[in-house]
N, C-alpha and C. Protein backbone atom coordinates (compact mmCIF):
# COMPACT_ATOMS: atom_id res chain seq x y z
N MET A 1 -0.43 -0.37 -13.59
CA MET A 1 -0.85 0.18 -12.33
C MET A 1 -2.34 -0.04 -12.17
N THR A 2 -2.74 -0.53 -11.01
CA THR A 2 -4.14 -0.80 -10.72
C THR A 2 -4.58 0.03 -9.53
N VAL A 3 -5.69 0.73 -9.70
CA VAL A 3 -6.27 1.50 -8.60
C VAL A 3 -7.66 0.95 -8.33
N GLU A 4 -7.89 0.61 -7.06
CA GLU A 4 -9.20 0.12 -6.63
C GLU A 4 -9.73 1.05 -5.56
N ILE A 5 -11.03 1.31 -5.61
CA ILE A 5 -11.65 2.15 -4.59
C ILE A 5 -12.96 1.50 -4.16
N TYR A 6 -13.03 1.21 -2.87
CA TYR A 6 -14.28 0.74 -2.27
C TYR A 6 -15.06 1.99 -1.92
N SER A 7 -16.33 2.04 -2.35
CA SER A 7 -17.07 3.28 -2.19
C SER A 7 -18.56 3.01 -2.00
N SER A 8 -19.29 4.10 -1.84
CA SER A 8 -20.74 4.10 -1.77
C SER A 8 -21.24 5.33 -2.51
N PRO A 9 -22.35 5.20 -3.23
CA PRO A 9 -22.85 6.36 -3.99
C PRO A 9 -23.32 7.50 -3.09
N LEU A 10 -23.55 7.24 -1.81
CA LEU A 10 -24.05 8.26 -0.89
C LEU A 10 -22.93 9.02 -0.19
N CYS A 11 -21.67 8.70 -0.52
CA CYS A 11 -20.51 9.19 0.22
C CYS A 11 -19.84 10.35 -0.52
N GLY A 12 -19.88 11.54 0.08
CA GLY A 12 -19.24 12.70 -0.53
C GLY A 12 -17.73 12.56 -0.64
N PHE A 13 -17.11 11.92 0.36
CA PHE A 13 -15.67 11.71 0.32
C PHE A 13 -15.29 10.77 -0.82
N CYS A 14 -16.16 9.80 -1.10
CA CYS A 14 -15.91 8.88 -2.23
C CYS A 14 -15.91 9.67 -3.54
N HIS A 15 -16.90 10.55 -3.68
CA HIS A 15 -16.99 11.36 -4.90
C HIS A 15 -15.76 12.26 -5.05
N ALA A 16 -15.29 12.82 -3.94
CA ALA A 16 -14.12 13.70 -3.99
C ALA A 16 -12.87 12.91 -4.38
N ALA A 17 -12.71 11.71 -3.83
CA ALA A 17 -11.54 10.88 -4.16
C ALA A 17 -11.58 10.48 -5.63
N LYS A 18 -12.74 10.07 -6.11
CA LYS A 18 -12.87 9.66 -7.52
C LYS A 18 -12.65 10.85 -8.45
N ARG A 19 -13.09 12.03 -8.02
CA ARG A 19 -12.89 13.24 -8.83
C ARG A 19 -11.39 13.53 -8.98
N LEU A 20 -10.63 13.43 -7.88
CA LEU A 20 -9.19 13.68 -7.94
C LEU A 20 -8.52 12.68 -8.88
N LEU A 21 -8.86 11.42 -8.74
CA LEU A 21 -8.26 10.39 -9.60
C LEU A 21 -8.62 10.65 -11.07
N SER A 22 -9.88 11.01 -11.32
CA SER A 22 -10.32 11.28 -12.70
C SER A 22 -9.61 12.49 -13.27
N GLN A 23 -9.42 13.54 -12.46
CA GLN A 23 -8.71 14.74 -12.93
C GLN A 23 -7.28 14.41 -13.31
N LYS A 24 -6.72 13.40 -12.69
CA LYS A 24 -5.35 12.98 -13.00
C LYS A 24 -5.32 11.99 -14.16
N GLY A 25 -6.48 11.67 -14.72
CA GLY A 25 -6.55 10.75 -15.85
C GLY A 25 -6.32 9.30 -15.46
N VAL A 26 -6.57 8.99 -14.19
CA VAL A 26 -6.34 7.63 -13.69
C VAL A 26 -7.63 6.83 -13.79
N SER A 27 -7.54 5.67 -14.42
CA SER A 27 -8.69 4.78 -14.42
C SER A 27 -8.63 3.92 -13.16
N PHE A 28 -9.79 3.62 -12.62
CA PHE A 28 -9.85 2.84 -11.38
C PHE A 28 -11.05 1.91 -11.43
N SER A 29 -10.95 0.83 -10.69
CA SER A 29 -12.10 -0.04 -10.54
C SER A 29 -12.77 0.32 -9.23
N GLU A 30 -14.09 0.38 -9.29
CA GLU A 30 -14.87 0.80 -8.13
C GLU A 30 -15.67 -0.38 -7.61
N ILE A 31 -15.57 -0.62 -6.32
CA ILE A 31 -16.35 -1.66 -5.67
C ILE A 31 -17.36 -0.95 -4.79
N ASP A 32 -18.64 -1.01 -5.19
CA ASP A 32 -19.71 -0.32 -4.47
C ASP A 32 -20.21 -1.24 -3.36
N VAL A 33 -19.87 -0.91 -2.10
CA VAL A 33 -20.25 -1.77 -0.98
C VAL A 33 -21.72 -1.62 -0.60
N LEU A 34 -22.40 -0.62 -1.15
CA LEU A 34 -23.84 -0.50 -0.92
C LEU A 34 -24.59 -1.47 -1.83
N VAL A 35 -24.16 -1.57 -3.08
CA VAL A 35 -24.78 -2.49 -4.04
C VAL A 35 -24.36 -3.93 -3.76
N ASP A 36 -23.11 -4.10 -3.34
CA ASP A 36 -22.56 -5.43 -3.10
C ASP A 36 -22.01 -5.52 -1.67
N PRO A 37 -22.92 -5.58 -0.66
CA PRO A 37 -22.47 -5.54 0.74
C PRO A 37 -21.60 -6.73 1.14
N ALA A 38 -21.61 -7.79 0.38
CA ALA A 38 -20.76 -8.95 0.67
C ALA A 38 -19.28 -8.60 0.52
N ARG A 39 -18.98 -7.52 -0.19
CA ARG A 39 -17.58 -7.11 -0.40
C ARG A 39 -17.04 -6.27 0.76
N LYS A 40 -17.92 -5.80 1.66
CA LYS A 40 -17.46 -4.94 2.76
C LYS A 40 -16.50 -5.68 3.70
N PRO A 41 -16.77 -6.94 4.11
CA PRO A 41 -15.79 -7.62 4.97
C PRO A 41 -14.41 -7.74 4.30
N GLU A 42 -14.41 -7.95 2.98
CA GLU A 42 -13.15 -8.00 2.21
C GLU A 42 -12.42 -6.67 2.33
N MET A 43 -13.17 -5.57 2.18
CA MET A 43 -12.58 -4.23 2.28
C MET A 43 -11.99 -4.03 3.67
N ILE A 44 -12.73 -4.38 4.72
CA ILE A 44 -12.27 -4.19 6.10
C ILE A 44 -10.99 -4.97 6.35
N GLU A 45 -10.95 -6.19 5.84
CA GLU A 45 -9.74 -7.01 6.02
C GLU A 45 -8.55 -6.40 5.28
N ARG A 46 -8.76 -6.01 4.02
CA ARG A 46 -7.68 -5.44 3.22
C ARG A 46 -7.21 -4.10 3.78
N ALA A 47 -8.14 -3.35 4.41
CA ALA A 47 -7.83 -2.00 4.91
C ALA A 47 -7.44 -2.03 6.39
N ASN A 48 -6.98 -3.18 6.85
CA ASN A 48 -6.50 -3.29 8.24
C ASN A 48 -7.52 -2.81 9.27
N GLY A 49 -8.79 -3.20 9.06
CA GLY A 49 -9.82 -2.88 10.03
C GLY A 49 -10.58 -1.59 9.79
N GLN A 50 -10.17 -0.82 8.80
CA GLN A 50 -10.90 0.42 8.48
C GLN A 50 -12.27 0.05 7.92
N ARG A 51 -13.33 0.70 8.44
CA ARG A 51 -14.70 0.33 8.07
C ARG A 51 -15.38 1.38 7.19
N THR A 52 -14.79 2.56 7.07
CA THR A 52 -15.45 3.63 6.33
C THR A 52 -15.02 3.62 4.87
N VAL A 53 -15.88 4.16 4.02
CA VAL A 53 -15.53 4.35 2.61
C VAL A 53 -15.20 5.82 2.42
N PRO A 54 -14.35 6.14 1.46
CA PRO A 54 -13.68 5.20 0.55
C PRO A 54 -12.45 4.56 1.21
N GLN A 55 -12.09 3.42 0.69
CA GLN A 55 -10.79 2.80 0.98
C GLN A 55 -10.13 2.62 -0.38
N ILE A 56 -8.93 3.14 -0.51
CA ILE A 56 -8.26 3.21 -1.81
C ILE A 56 -6.99 2.37 -1.79
N PHE A 57 -6.79 1.63 -2.87
CA PHE A 57 -5.61 0.78 -3.02
C PHE A 57 -4.95 1.10 -4.35
N ILE A 58 -3.63 1.29 -4.33
CA ILE A 58 -2.85 1.51 -5.56
C ILE A 58 -1.88 0.34 -5.66
N ASP A 59 -2.03 -0.43 -6.73
CA ASP A 59 -1.22 -1.65 -6.93
C ASP A 59 -1.24 -2.53 -5.68
N GLY A 60 -2.41 -2.67 -5.08
CA GLY A 60 -2.58 -3.54 -3.93
C GLY A 60 -2.15 -2.95 -2.61
N THR A 61 -1.54 -1.76 -2.63
CA THR A 61 -1.10 -1.10 -1.40
C THR A 61 -2.22 -0.21 -0.88
N HIS A 62 -2.56 -0.38 0.39
CA HIS A 62 -3.62 0.42 0.99
C HIS A 62 -3.14 1.85 1.18
N VAL A 63 -3.82 2.79 0.54
CA VAL A 63 -3.49 4.21 0.65
C VAL A 63 -4.26 4.83 1.81
N GLY A 64 -5.49 4.37 2.02
CA GLY A 64 -6.36 4.93 3.05
C GLY A 64 -7.61 5.49 2.40
N GLY A 65 -8.15 6.54 3.01
CA GLY A 65 -9.37 7.15 2.51
C GLY A 65 -9.09 8.42 1.73
N CYS A 66 -10.11 9.23 1.62
CA CYS A 66 -10.04 10.48 0.85
C CYS A 66 -9.00 11.43 1.42
N ASP A 67 -8.99 11.59 2.76
CA ASP A 67 -8.04 12.52 3.37
C ASP A 67 -6.60 12.12 3.08
N GLU A 68 -6.33 10.82 3.17
CA GLU A 68 -4.98 10.33 2.91
C GLU A 68 -4.60 10.52 1.44
N LEU A 69 -5.56 10.31 0.53
CA LEU A 69 -5.30 10.49 -0.89
C LEU A 69 -4.93 11.96 -1.18
N TYR A 70 -5.70 12.89 -0.61
CA TYR A 70 -5.42 14.31 -0.81
C TYR A 70 -4.12 14.73 -0.14
N ALA A 71 -3.78 14.10 1.01
CA ALA A 71 -2.51 14.40 1.68
C ALA A 71 -1.34 13.98 0.79
N LEU A 72 -1.46 12.82 0.14
CA LEU A 72 -0.41 12.38 -0.80
C LEU A 72 -0.27 13.38 -1.94
N GLU A 73 -1.40 13.88 -2.43
CA GLU A 73 -1.38 14.87 -3.51
C GLU A 73 -0.70 16.16 -3.04
N ARG A 74 -1.06 16.65 -1.85
CA ARG A 74 -0.46 17.88 -1.30
C ARG A 74 1.04 17.72 -1.09
N ASP A 75 1.45 16.54 -0.68
CA ASP A 75 2.88 16.28 -0.41
C ASP A 75 3.67 15.95 -1.67
N GLY A 76 2.99 15.93 -2.82
CA GLY A 76 3.68 15.64 -4.08
C GLY A 76 4.05 14.18 -4.26
N LYS A 77 3.41 13.28 -3.52
CA LYS A 77 3.76 11.87 -3.57
C LYS A 77 2.79 11.02 -4.41
N LEU A 78 1.63 11.57 -4.69
CA LEU A 78 0.60 10.77 -5.39
C LEU A 78 1.02 10.44 -6.82
N ASP A 79 1.55 11.41 -7.55
CA ASP A 79 1.92 11.16 -8.95
C ASP A 79 2.96 10.04 -9.06
N ALA A 80 3.91 10.01 -8.13
CA ALA A 80 4.93 8.97 -8.14
C ALA A 80 4.30 7.59 -7.92
N MET A 81 3.33 7.52 -7.01
CA MET A 81 2.65 6.24 -6.76
C MET A 81 1.85 5.81 -7.99
N LEU A 82 1.23 6.77 -8.65
CA LEU A 82 0.38 6.45 -9.80
C LEU A 82 1.19 6.10 -11.04
N SER A 83 2.45 6.55 -11.09
CA SER A 83 3.26 6.27 -12.28
C SER A 83 4.20 5.10 -12.08
N ALA A 84 4.22 4.55 -10.88
CA ALA A 84 5.14 3.43 -10.60
C ALA A 84 4.77 2.18 -11.37
């Protein structure tokens, strides 16, 4: 299972999303679009036009941002996605 998160160090929602993933013991690769702005167009394309960070992908599937990640957790669906 691969988790990728496009983020920025100045983004509170990014920190919250990474905290949830870390609390679940999930390792993830982080793409910092502030340090590497050339990766932002890639993120926008992969995220179907979404321009804000974080944008989260689990096994290549676009999950969305922080709100969507927490909604999956509230609905009991996140663990299943992470263990698939």
